[in-house]
Amino acid sequence: MAKETVTELDESNDFGFTFHDEEEIVTSSGVTDEVEVLKEKLRTIRKTYLPLLQHLAKDPDKPMIKWPNRKDILDKQIKKMIDLTNVD
């Protein structure tokens, strides 16, 4: 049985697809902008909460932490965290 070779493309059977670079698709779909917004939110979260954790870890030998007015401070930070992590 002889193998058939294709020497010419039949344009009538192109199946309707075309080729694109990955950058064209990502840029044209608006994904790049959304990724940048999410990156900025992550940077803000890091700048906000990393100092808290570093400060808490600073004096591990002391058994007590004095934190006056923490309810108001924490409520404010909880709201900020919810706003930053909202992905709707």
Protein backbone atom coordinates (compact mmCIF):
# COMPACT_ATOMS: atom_id res chain seq x y z
CA MET A 1 0.00 0.00 0.00
CA ALA A 2 1.53 3.31 -1.09
CA LYS A 3 1.64 6.20 1.35
CA GLU A 4 -0.13 9.33 0.12
CA THR A 5 1.87 12.54 0.46
CA VAL A 6 0.33 15.95 0.72
CA THR A 7 2.00 18.43 -1.55
CA GLU A 8 -0.64 21.13 -1.63
CA LEU A 9 -2.92 22.50 1.08
CA ASP A 10 -6.59 22.42 0.29
CA GLU A 11 -7.75 25.83 1.57
CA SER A 12 -11.37 24.70 1.65
CA ASN A 13 -10.58 22.35 4.55
CA ASP A 14 -8.81 24.73 6.94
CA PHE A 15 -11.03 23.72 9.92
CA GLY A 16 -11.50 27.39 10.87
CA PHE A 17 -8.58 27.88 13.27
CA THR A 18 -5.59 30.19 13.17
CA PHE A 19 -2.31 30.35 15.09
CA HIS A 20 -1.41 33.03 17.63
CA ASP A 21 1.45 33.71 19.99
CA GLU A 22 0.70 33.24 23.71
CA GLU A 23 1.35 36.95 24.35
CA GLU A 24 -1.35 37.95 21.86
CA ILE A 25 -3.96 35.83 23.59
CA VAL A 26 -3.05 36.89 27.14
CA THR A 27 -2.89 40.58 26.24
CA SER A 28 -6.04 40.58 24.18
CA SER A 29 -8.07 38.80 26.85
CA GLY A 30 -7.32 41.38 29.56
CA VAL A 31 -5.74 38.77 31.81
CA THR A 32 -2.53 40.79 32.07
CA ASP A 33 -4.33 43.74 33.68
CA GLU A 34 -6.12 41.50 36.15
CA VAL A 35 -2.87 39.79 37.12
CA GLU A 36 -1.25 43.18 37.80
CA VAL A 37 -4.17 44.23 40.04
CA LEU A 38 -3.88 40.98 42.00
CA LYS A 39 -0.10 41.37 42.33
CA GLU A 40 -0.57 44.86 43.77
CA LYS A 41 -3.13 43.54 46.25
CA LEU A 42 -0.67 40.84 47.35
CA ARG A 43 2.08 43.43 47.80
CA THR A 44 -0.27 45.51 49.96
CA ILE A 45 -1.19 42.49 52.07
CA ARG A 46 2.49 41.68 52.58
CA LYS A 47 3.36 45.28 53.54
CA THR A 48 0.43 45.38 55.96
CA TYR A 49 0.73 42.04 57.77
CA LEU A 50 4.41 41.12 57.63
CA PRO A 51 5.39 43.88 60.11
CA LEU A 52 2.76 42.57 62.56
CA LEU A 53 4.20 39.06 62.43
CA GLN A 54 7.79 40.33 62.68
CA HIS A 55 6.88 42.48 65.66
CA LEU A 56 5.13 39.58 67.42
CA ALA A 57 8.21 37.39 66.89
CA LYS A 58 10.62 40.07 68.14
CA ASP A 59 10.57 39.25 71.89
CA PRO A 60 9.80 35.53 72.22
CA ASP A 61 11.09 35.31 75.80
CA LYS A 62 8.37 37.56 77.20
CA PRO A 63 5.25 35.56 78.07
CA MET A 64 2.78 38.46 77.82
CA ILE A 65 1.86 40.98 75.13
CA LYS A 66 0.35 44.33 76.04
CA TRP A 67 -1.98 45.43 73.25
CA PRO A 68 -4.36 48.22 74.24
CA ASN A 69 -7.28 49.09 71.91
CA ARG A 70 -6.68 45.91 69.93
CA LYS A 71 -10.37 45.38 69.07
CA ASP A 72 -10.57 48.62 67.08
CA ILE A 73 -7.20 48.01 65.45
CA LEU A 74 -8.06 44.42 64.55
CA ASP A 75 -11.52 45.33 63.22
CA LYS A 76 -9.89 47.88 60.91
CA GLN A 77 -7.30 45.35 59.71
CA ILE A 78 -9.95 42.64 59.20
CA LYS A 79 -11.93 45.00 56.98
CA LYS A 80 -8.77 45.86 55.04
CA MET A 81 -7.96 42.16 54.57
CA ILE A 82 -11.49 41.42 53.34
CA ASP A 83 -11.34 44.34 50.88
CA LEU A 84 -7.94 43.28 49.55
CA THR A 85 -8.86 39.63 49.13
CA ASN A 86 -12.25 40.19 47.54
CA VAL A 87 -12.07 38.60 44.09
CA ASP A 88 -15.64 39.14 42.85
